[in-house]
Protein backbone atom coordinates (compact mmCIF):
# COMPACT_ATOMS: atom_id res chain seq x y z
CA UNK A 1 -21.38 77.74 57.12
CA UNK A 2 -21.58 80.18 54.20
CA UNK A 3 -19.82 77.72 51.90
CA UNK A 4 -22.15 74.84 52.89
CA UNK A 5 -25.23 76.93 52.18
CA UNK A 6 -23.75 77.90 48.81
CA UNK A 7 -23.22 74.24 47.81
CA UNK A 8 -26.75 73.28 48.95
CA UNK A 9 -28.27 76.06 46.85
CA UNK A 10 -26.27 74.93 43.81
CA UNK A 11 -27.44 71.31 44.22
CA UNK A 12 -31.05 72.39 44.52
CA UNK A 13 -30.76 74.48 41.35
CA UNK A 14 -29.30 71.47 39.47
CA UNK A 15 -32.13 69.17 40.52
CA UNK A 16 -34.71 71.72 39.43
CA UNK A 17 -33.01 72.16 36.07
CA UNK A 18 -32.97 68.38 35.43
CA UNK A 19 -36.66 68.08 36.33
CA UNK A 20 -37.57 70.94 34.02
CA UNK A 21 -35.62 69.40 31.14
CA UNK A 22 -37.42 66.09 31.55
CA UNK A 23 -40.83 67.79 31.63
CA UNK A 24 -39.98 69.82 28.50
CA UNK A 25 -38.80 66.70 26.60
CA UNK A 26 -42.01 64.80 27.38
CA UNK A 27 -44.26 67.70 26.40
CA UNK A 28 -42.30 68.25 23.14
CA UNK A 29 -42.85 64.66 21.88
CA UNK A 30 -46.41 64.64 23.03
CA UNK A 31 -48.88 61.78 23.49
CA UNK A 32 -50.17 59.70 20.63
CA UNK A 33 -53.77 59.74 19.36
CA UNK A 34 -54.84 56.94 21.73
CA UNK A 35 -53.34 58.73 24.73
CA UNK A 36 -50.32 56.49 25.11
CA UNK A 37 -46.79 57.75 25.05
CA UNK A 38 -44.85 56.48 21.99
CA UNK A 39 -41.48 54.81 22.59
CA UNK A 40 -38.32 56.01 20.95
CA UNK A 41 -37.22 53.35 18.43
CA UNK A 42 -34.74 52.81 15.66
CA UNK A 43 -35.79 53.01 12.00
CA UNK A 44 -38.39 50.35 11.36
CA UNK A 45 -37.60 47.31 9.26
CA UNK A 46 -39.79 46.58 6.27
CA UNK A 47 -42.82 44.48 7.03
CA UNK A 48 -43.17 40.94 5.61
CA UNK A 49 -41.80 37.40 6.11
CA UNK A 50 -38.23 36.70 7.35
CA UNK A 51 -35.49 36.48 4.71
CA UNK A 52 -34.23 32.98 3.70
CA UNK A 53 -31.08 31.71 5.39
CA UNK A 54 -28.02 31.96 3.14
CA UNK A 55 -26.07 28.67 2.75
CA UNK A 56 -23.41 27.19 0.49
CA UNK A 57 -24.17 23.86 -1.16
CA UNK A 58 -22.58 21.09 -3.24
CA UNK A 59 -23.89 18.24 -5.36
CA UNK A 60 -23.48 14.54 -4.51
CA UNK A 61 -20.91 13.32 -7.06
CA UNK A 62 -20.15 9.85 -8.37
CA UNK A 63 -16.62 8.68 -9.07
CA UNK A 64 -14.38 5.64 -8.86
CA UNK A 65 -12.96 5.14 -5.39
CA UNK A 66 -9.88 3.04 -4.64
CA UNK A 67 -9.63 1.39 -1.23
CA UNK A 68 -5.94 1.58 -0.39
CA UNK A 69 -3.40 2.21 2.34
CA UNK A 70 0.26 3.18 2.50
CA UNK A 71 3.15 1.26 4.05
CA UNK A 72 6.91 0.87 3.80
CA UNK A 73 8.77 -2.30 2.96
CA UNK A 74 12.02 -3.75 1.67
CA UNK A 75 13.01 -5.87 -1.30
CA UNK A 76 14.68 -9.26 -1.17
CA UNK A 77 15.62 -11.90 -3.69
CA UNK A 78 13.08 -14.53 -4.58
CA UNK A 79 15.96 -16.97 -4.11
CA UNK A 80 19.30 -16.10 -2.61
CA UNK A 81 22.04 -18.25 -1.07
CA UNK A 82 25.62 -17.99 0.11
CA UNK A 83 27.62 -20.88 -1.34
CA UNK A 84 29.68 -22.74 1.26
CA UNK A 85 31.64 -26.01 0.92
CA UNK A 86 30.42 -29.09 2.76
CA UNK A 87 33.99 -30.37 3.32
CA UNK A 88 37.28 -28.63 3.80
CA UNK A 89 39.90 -28.51 1.06
CA UNK A 90 42.11 -26.43 -1.21
CA UNK A 91 40.54 -24.50 -4.10
CA UNK A 92 41.79 -25.91 -7.38
CA UNK A 93 39.70 -24.01 -9.94
CA UNK A 94 37.02 -21.30 -10.06
CA UNK A 95 34.51 -21.39 -12.92
CA UNK A 96 32.70 -18.04 -12.53
CA UNK A 97 33.34 -14.32 -12.53
CA UNK A 98 31.89 -11.60 -10.36
CA UNK A 99 28.35 -10.65 -11.38
CA UNK A 100 28.04 -13.48 -13.89
CA UNK A 101 24.76 -15.21 -14.73
CA UNK A 102 24.93 -18.92 -13.93
CA UNK A 103 22.62 -21.86 -14.59
CA UNK A 104 21.32 -24.45 -12.19
CA UNK A 105 23.82 -27.32 -11.75
CA UNK A 106 26.77 -25.36 -13.13
CA UNK A 107 30.11 -26.09 -11.41
CA UNK A 108 31.19 -23.02 -9.49
CA UNK A 109 34.29 -24.11 -7.53
CA UNK A 110 36.43 -27.26 -7.81
CA UNK A 111 38.51 -28.47 -4.85
CA UNK A 112 41.62 -30.66 -5.15
CA UNK A 113 40.41 -34.28 -5.44
CA UNK A 114 43.47 -36.48 -6.12
CA UNK A 115 42.96 -38.49 -2.95
CA UNK A 116 39.24 -38.94 -3.56
CA UNK A 117 39.90 -39.97 -7.19
CA UNK A 118 42.28 -42.68 -5.93
CA UNK A 119 39.73 -43.89 -3.41
CA UNK A 120 37.13 -44.11 -6.17
CA UNK A 121 39.48 -46.15 -8.36
CA UNK A 122 40.13 -48.50 -5.47
CA UNK A 123 36.41 -48.90 -4.84
CA UNK A 124 35.81 -49.68 -8.51
CA UNK A 125 38.52 -52.37 -8.49
CA UNK A 126 37.11 -53.98 -5.36
CA UNK A 127 33.65 -54.02 -6.86
CA UNK A 128 34.95 -55.65 -10.05
CA UNK A 129 36.56 -58.44 -8.01
CA UNK A 130 33.39 -58.88 -5.94
CA UNK A 131 31.26 -59.12 -9.09
CA UNK A 132 33.55 -61.76 -10.61
CA UNK A 133 33.58 -63.85 -7.42
CA UNK A 134 29.83 -63.68 -7.12
CA UNK A 135 29.31 -64.71 -10.75
CA UNK A 136 31.71 -67.64 -10.36
CA UNK A 137 29.95 -68.83 -7.18
CA UNK A 138 26.61 -68.72 -8.98
CA UNK A 139 27.98 -71.12 -11.61
CA UNK A 140 29.48 -73.44 -8.99
CA UNK A 141 26.29 -73.55 -6.96
CA UNK A 142 24.38 -74.50 -10.10
CA UNK A 143 26.77 -77.49 -10.49
CA UNK A 144 26.54 -78.33 -6.74
CA UNK A 145 30.29 -77.83 -6.25
CA UNK A 146 29.91 -75.34 -3.35
CA UNK A 147 27.28 -74.64 -0.78
CA UNK A 148 24.70 -71.91 -1.03
CA UNK A 149 26.32 -70.21 1.96
CA UNK A 150 29.36 -69.35 -0.13
CA UNK A 151 27.05 -67.75 -2.70
CA UNK A 152 25.38 -65.64 -0.03
CA UNK A 153 28.75 -64.48 1.30
CA UNK A 154 29.92 -63.44 -2.16
CA UNK A 155 26.65 -61.58 -2.76
CA UNK A 156 27.08 -59.65 0.52
CA UNK A 157 30.68 -58.83 -0.40
CA UNK A 158 29.43 -57.48 -3.74
CA UNK A 159 26.92 -55.22 -1.99
CA UNK A 160 29.67 -53.91 0.31
CA UNK A 161 31.86 -53.15 -2.68
CA UNK A 162 29.04 -51.28 -4.38
CA UNK A 163 28.41 -49.24 -1.23
CA UNK A 164 32.10 -48.33 -1.01
CA UNK A 165 32.10 -47.15 -4.60
CA UNK A 166 28.96 -45.06 -4.03
CA UNK A 167 30.60 -43.50 -0.96
CA UNK A 168 33.73 -42.68 -2.93
CA UNK A 169 31.66 -41.07 -5.71
CA UNK A 170 29.67 -39.01 -3.19
CA UNK A 171 32.86 -37.86 -1.46
CA UNK A 172 34.33 -36.87 -4.81
CA UNK A 173 31.16 -35.03 -5.82
CA UNK A 174 31.19 -32.97 -2.63
CA UNK A 175 34.44 -31.40 -3.76
CA UNK A 176 32.50 -29.66 -6.55
CA UNK A 177 30.31 -26.70 -5.53
CA UNK A 178 27.33 -26.37 -7.90
CA UNK A 179 24.88 -23.51 -8.51
CA UNK A 180 21.58 -24.46 -6.80
CA UNK A 181 19.42 -22.40 -9.20
CA UNK A 182 19.61 -19.91 -12.06
CA UNK A 183 20.86 -16.57 -10.87
CA UNK A 184 23.60 -13.95 -10.77
CA UNK A 185 26.75 -14.32 -8.72
CA UNK A 186 27.91 -11.70 -6.31
CA UNK A 187 31.49 -10.81 -5.42
CA UNK A 188 33.65 -13.87 -4.89
CA UNK A 189 35.46 -14.18 -1.60
CA UNK A 190 37.90 -16.97 -2.50
CA UNK A 191 40.88 -17.42 -4.81
CA UNK A 192 42.64 -20.37 -6.39
CA UNK A 193 44.92 -22.00 -3.81
CA UNK A 194 42.92 -20.93 -0.76
CA UNK A 195 42.37 -23.62 1.84
CA UNK A 196 38.78 -23.44 3.08
CA UNK A 197 37.16 -25.11 5.99
CA UNK A 198 33.68 -26.52 5.69
CA UNK A 199 31.07 -23.74 5.93
CA UNK A 200 33.35 -20.92 4.75
CA UNK A 201 31.72 -18.20 2.60
CA UNK A 202 32.62 -18.33 -1.09
CA UNK A 203 30.10 -16.33 -3.13
CA UNK A 204 26.41 -15.43 -3.04
CA UNK A 205 23.99 -16.28 -5.85
CA UNK A 206 20.80 -14.22 -6.28
CA UNK A 207 17.78 -14.91 -8.47
CA UNK A 208 16.76 -11.44 -9.67
CA UNK A 209 14.23 -12.32 -12.38
CA UNK A 210 11.67 -11.70 -9.66
CA UNK A 211 12.14 -9.89 -6.35
CA UNK A 212 10.02 -10.19 -3.25
CA UNK A 213 8.47 -7.25 -1.43
CA UNK A 214 8.02 -7.65 2.32
CA UNK A 215 5.93 -5.09 4.21
CA UNK A 216 3.62 -4.94 7.20
CA UNK A 217 0.11 -3.56 7.64
CA UNK A 218 -1.88 -2.76 10.80
CA UNK A 219 -4.01 -5.63 12.01
CA UNK A 220 -7.25 -3.89 11.02
CA UNK A 221 -6.37 -4.60 7.37
CA UNK A 222 -5.87 -8.34 7.83
CA UNK A 223 -9.41 -9.04 6.59
CA UNK A 224 -8.91 -6.93 3.44
CA UNK A 225 -5.53 -8.06 2.19
CA UNK A 226 -5.35 -11.40 0.39
CA UNK A 227 -3.28 -13.23 -2.20
CA UNK A 228 -3.73 -12.05 -5.78
CA UNK A 229 -4.22 -8.37 -4.96
CA UNK A 230 -1.88 -5.74 -6.36
CA UNK A 231 0.29 -3.23 -4.58
CA UNK A 232 2.02 -0.32 -6.24
CA UNK A 233 5.42 0.75 -5.00
CA UNK A 234 8.15 3.25 -5.64
CA UNK A 235 11.78 3.12 -4.55
CA UNK A 236 13.89 6.09 -3.58
CA UNK A 237 16.75 4.84 -5.73
CA UNK A 238 14.58 5.09 -8.89
CA UNK A 239 12.41 8.19 -8.46
CA UNK A 240 9.45 8.51 -10.77
CA UNK A 241 9.40 4.83 -11.75
CA UNK A 242 6.40 2.95 -10.37
CA UNK A 243 6.38 -0.85 -10.07
CA UNK A 244 3.54 -3.29 -9.49
CA UNK A 245 3.70 -6.19 -7.04
CA UNK A 246 1.35 -9.17 -6.83
CA UNK A 247 0.53 -10.25 -3.27
CA UNK A 248 1.62 -13.87 -2.89
CA UNK A 249 1.01 -14.61 0.77
CA UNK A 250 -0.19 -13.09 4.04
CA UNK A 251 1.39 -14.17 7.30
CA UNK A 252 -1.25 -15.94 9.43
CA UNK A 253 0.47 -14.70 12.60
CA UNK A 254 -0.18 -11.19 13.94
CA UNK A 255 2.94 -9.70 15.49
CA UNK A 256 2.19 -9.10 19.15
CA UNK A 257 4.56 -6.16 19.60
CA UNK A 258 3.40 -3.97 16.72
CA UNK A 259 -0.04 -5.58 16.14
CA UNK A 260 0.73 -5.85 12.44
CA UNK A 261 0.47 -8.54 9.80
CA UNK A 262 3.25 -9.44 7.37
CA UNK A 263 2.58 -9.38 3.63
CA UNK A 264 4.79 -10.69 0.83
CA UNK A 265 4.47 -9.64 -2.80
CA UNK A 266 6.35 -10.50 -5.97
CA UNK A 267 7.62 -8.07 -8.65
CA UNK A 268 8.57 -8.94 -12.22
CA UNK A 269 12.20 -7.81 -12.40
CA UNK A 270 13.39 -9.26 -15.68
CA UNK A 271 14.70 -5.81 -16.62
CA UNK A 272 17.04 -6.06 -13.61
CA UNK A 273 16.14 -2.60 -12.30
CA UNK A 274 15.51 -3.59 -8.69
CA UNK A 275 18.01 -4.97 -6.22
CA UNK A 276 17.53 -6.82 -2.93
CA UNK A 277 17.73 -4.57 0.10
CA UNK A 278 16.08 -1.52 -1.50
CA UNK A 279 13.68 0.58 0.55
CA UNK A 280 10.17 0.69 -0.95
CA UNK A 281 7.13 2.90 -0.40
CA UNK A 282 4.09 0.69 -0.85
CA UNK A 283 0.54 1.62 -1.80
CA UNK A 284 -1.55 -1.50 -1.14
CA UNK A 285 -4.79 -1.56 -3.14
CA UNK A 286 -7.61 -3.63 -1.62
CA UNK A 287 -10.17 -2.93 -4.33
CA UNK A 288 -12.08 -0.23 -6.20
CA UNK A 289 -15.73 0.78 -6.49
CA UNK A 290 -17.31 2.30 -9.56
CA UNK A 291 -19.92 5.08 -9.25
CA UNK A 292 -19.30 5.66 -5.57
CA UNK A 293 -21.10 8.71 -4.10
CA UNK A 294 -18.93 11.38 -2.47
CA UNK A 295 -19.60 14.75 -0.88
CA UNK A 296 -17.30 17.44 0.57
CA UNK A 297 -16.23 16.66 4.11
CA UNK A 298 -17.55 20.07 5.23
CA UNK A 299 -21.08 18.75 4.76
CA UNK A 300 -20.67 16.08 7.47
CA UNK A 301 -22.29 16.84 10.86
CA UNK A 302 -21.31 14.34 13.61
CA UNK A 303 -23.77 14.30 16.46
CA UNK A 304 -24.41 11.78 19.22
CA UNK A 305 -22.42 8.99 17.63
CA UNK A 306 -24.27 9.38 14.33
CA UNK A 307 -23.51 11.26 11.13
CA UNK A 308 -25.90 13.72 9.49
CA UNK A 309 -26.00 16.02 6.50
CA UNK A 310 -28.40 18.84 5.67
CA UNK A 311 -30.03 18.26 2.30
CA UNK A 312 -31.59 21.07 0.29
CA UNK A 313 -35.01 20.09 -1.07
CA UNK A 314 -37.85 21.89 -2.84
CA UNK A 315 -40.01 24.07 -0.58
CA UNK A 316 -43.76 24.36 -0.29
CA UNK A 317 -43.85 27.51 -2.42
CA UNK A 318 -42.75 27.53 -6.03
CA UNK A 319 -39.05 28.25 -6.62
CA UNK A 320 -38.32 27.97 -2.91
CA UNK A 321 -35.81 25.73 -1.10
CA UNK A 322 -35.76 24.40 2.44
CA UNK A 323 -33.47 22.30 4.61
CA UNK A 324 -33.89 18.66 5.62
CA UNK A 325 -31.56 16.84 8.02
CA UNK A 326 -30.69 13.30 6.87
CA UNK A 327 -28.76 10.55 8.66
CA UNK A 328 -26.07 9.00 6.43
CA UNK A 329 -23.58 6.15 6.56
CA UNK A 330 -20.04 7.07 5.53
CA UNK A 331 -17.36 4.93 3.91
CA UNK A 332 -13.91 5.80 2.63
CA UNK A 333 -12.39 9.19 3.28
CA UNK A 334 -10.38 11.04 0.66
CA UNK A 335 -8.59 14.38 0.92
CA UNK A 336 -11.51 16.81 1.21
CA UNK A 337 -14.21 14.24 0.39
CA UNK A 338 -16.20 11.50 2.12
CA UNK A 339 -17.92 8.50 0.59
CA UNK A 340 -21.63 8.11 1.33
CA UNK A 341 -22.94 4.54 1.50
CA UNK A 342 -26.53 5.20 2.62
CA UNK A 343 -28.86 8.17 3.00
CA UNK A 344 -28.27 10.13 -0.20
CA UNK A 345 -28.63 9.67 -3.94
CA UNK A 346 -26.52 10.92 -6.81
CA UNK A 347 -27.43 14.49 -7.72
CA UNK A 348 -28.74 15.49 -4.27
CA UNK A 349 -27.71 18.88 -2.94
CA UNK A 350 -26.20 19.17 0.55
CA UNK A 351 -25.22 22.18 2.64
CA UNK A 352 -21.49 22.74 3.03
CA UNK A 353 -21.56 26.03 4.98
CA UNK A 354 -24.23 27.63 7.14
CA UNK A 355 -25.30 24.60 9.19
CA UNK A 356 -25.35 26.60 12.45
CA UNK A 357 -28.18 28.77 11.13
CA UNK A 358 -30.37 25.76 10.31
CA UNK A 359 -31.71 24.72 13.70
CA UNK A 360 -34.74 22.78 12.45
CA UNK A 361 -36.03 21.06 9.34
CA UNK A 362 -38.08 23.12 6.93
CA UNK A 363 -36.00 26.27 7.24
CA UNK A 364 -36.17 28.31 4.06
CA UNK A 365 -32.70 28.62 2.55
CA UNK A 366 -31.09 30.62 -0.19
CA UNK A 367 -28.08 29.26 -2.12
CA UNK A 368 -25.13 31.62 -2.14
CA UNK A 369 -23.03 31.69 -5.29
CA UNK A 370 -19.42 32.42 -4.36
CA UNK A 371 -17.50 34.72 -6.73
CA UNK A 372 -15.04 32.85 -8.91
CA UNK A 373 -11.74 34.26 -10.10
CA UNK A 374 -10.74 31.35 -12.31
CA UNK A 375 -13.59 31.49 -14.86
CA UNK A 376 -17.19 30.31 -14.88
CA UNK A 377 -18.43 27.76 -12.37
CA UNK A 378 -19.11 24.22 -13.62
CA UNK A 379 -22.82 23.57 -14.02
CA UNK A 380 -24.59 21.56 -11.35
CA UNK A 381 -22.12 22.30 -8.56
CA UNK A 382 -23.26 25.43 -6.69
CA UNK A 383 -20.91 26.46 -3.94
CA UNK A 384 -18.15 24.18 -5.17
CA UNK A 385 -14.77 25.66 -6.12
CA UNK A 386 -14.07 25.73 -9.83
CA UNK A 387 -10.76 23.96 -9.30
CA UNK A 388 -12.61 20.73 -8.42
CA UNK A 389 -15.23 20.05 -11.12
CA UNK A 390 -17.96 17.63 -10.21
CA UNK A 391 -17.39 15.45 -13.25
CA UNK A 392 -13.68 14.84 -12.66
CA UNK A 393 -13.12 11.27 -11.39
CA UNK A 394 -10.48 10.50 -8.83
CA UNK A 395 -7.27 9.25 -10.38
CA UNK A 396 -6.20 5.74 -9.48
CA UNK A 397 -2.88 5.23 -7.65
CA UNK A 398 -1.28 3.83 -10.79
CA UNK A 399 -2.41 6.79 -12.92
CA UNK A 400 -1.24 9.24 -10.27
CA UNK A 401 2.21 7.70 -10.19
CA UNK A 402 2.39 7.63 -13.98
CA UNK A 403 1.39 11.26 -14.15
CA UNK A 404 4.05 12.14 -11.58
CA UNK A 405 6.60 10.36 -13.71
CA UNK A 406 5.58 12.49 -16.70
CA UNK A 407 4.32 9.50 -18.66
CA UNK A 408 0.96 8.66 -20.12
CA UNK A 409 -0.80 5.48 -18.97
CA UNK A 410 -0.02 3.86 -22.29
CA UNK A 411 3.71 4.30 -21.68
CA UNK A 412 3.62 2.49 -18.36
CA UNK A 413 4.03 -0.97 -19.87
CA UNK A 414 3.11 -4.19 -18.15
CA UNK A 415 2.75 -4.58 -14.37
CA UNK A 416 6.10 -4.81 -12.63
CA UNK A 417 7.96 -2.87 -15.34
CA UNK A 418 9.05 0.74 -14.89
CA UNK A 419 7.25 3.33 -16.97
CA UNK A 420 10.57 4.99 -17.73
CA UNK A 421 12.46 1.77 -18.37
CA UNK A 422 14.72 1.55 -21.37
CA UNK A 423 14.58 -1.10 -24.06
CA UNK A 424 11.90 -3.55 -25.03
CA UNK A 425 9.96 -5.30 -22.27
CA UNK A 426 11.09 -8.88 -21.68
CA UNK A 427 9.07 -11.59 -23.32
CA UNK A 428 7.69 -14.72 -21.74
CA UNK A 429 5.47 -15.38 -18.76
CA UNK A 430 5.67 -13.33 -15.60
CA UNK A 431 8.11 -15.12 -13.25
CA UNK A 432 5.86 -14.20 -10.32
CA UNK A 433 3.13 -16.41 -11.77
CA UNK A 434 5.24 -19.57 -11.71
CA UNK A 435 7.29 -21.34 -9.09
CA UNK A 436 10.97 -20.45 -8.57
CA UNK A 437 12.03 -23.99 -9.57
CA UNK A 438 9.98 -24.08 -12.79
CA UNK A 439 11.79 -24.81 -16.04
CA UNK A 440 12.97 -21.60 -17.68
């Protein structure tokens, strides 16, 4: 019991002490002049209007934009064929070497033709006899010594003799294998004395003055790609050497499995730098637009299926700026930039950072100048990094490839020729602009 009383007395003393401390604290601060008790507050902020919202901005730039896409493809000969005999026989003579340039109609392989030569001689003799008989019958019919029936029979026999001779000549001609077009031979697969059956492989002939580029694009590009456009390509076998292809045809059929459309281009290859079967990285160019407006992609605000930007305009007070939300229509997208088709004009200023603090139009803003370590900031581009000046136009795909190759644009030469190619460029018309069977 003694301990319980002791604890109760101690609790009572504590309560009294707390009450006394509260009374002393209130009396020490004291009431204000109007009788109200002042509240304890933090140091007061200076009176006046709210400070402007700090934002980063960038100017709407104009530059040349190239509408393009990347793909992979392979090279093939404009014309290529494997020579095979139409009839069987023994090889008598070969008139070409490996990798030799041949002309159209040149004899490539000659088969043994003694039997066919004898058959042709026989056919010629028979035709000579038939011609003599027919001429004699014509004279006799004119003198009414024989009937006209005999003349008709001799005329038919003459036609049969002529047909036999034509057959013998055709059979003899088939023992000669001719080059179907101008080109370069591959590695021969026959030797003198070989007996070949009809259809056996002998040698391939490739027309390399122009090579074809086959590649595929997604079906969404089928309305953009068309004949006459250009596509730049590079091959892994020749690094740093860009080539230019001219689109010749677009496949009208969309592949159902990959939903892609086939495209075929032609490359001027008179320098013989490209070979069929090479792997190519293609940059298809659909077109270019001069003075296109672009802004940094950080300025884009997607909302509710629409695209907005916050434009900085002059405020109501002198030397003041405020925000204005504007709906825009976007176009092409580049690394770090977006094309603007509608909603802005060249030279407008848009917010690139600080959108979350601009909840409504008319908010007073203050442009923040970021510190630069690489020298002074280009004029007219507040908030933009110095490494991307506003006046620098985007390089075209061809210029970019030439720069990567360490060559100036003037050293690139004509389309389809490598910038680093050796020797003088070939003269004459581009073989891609004429048919493969045109006279050379």
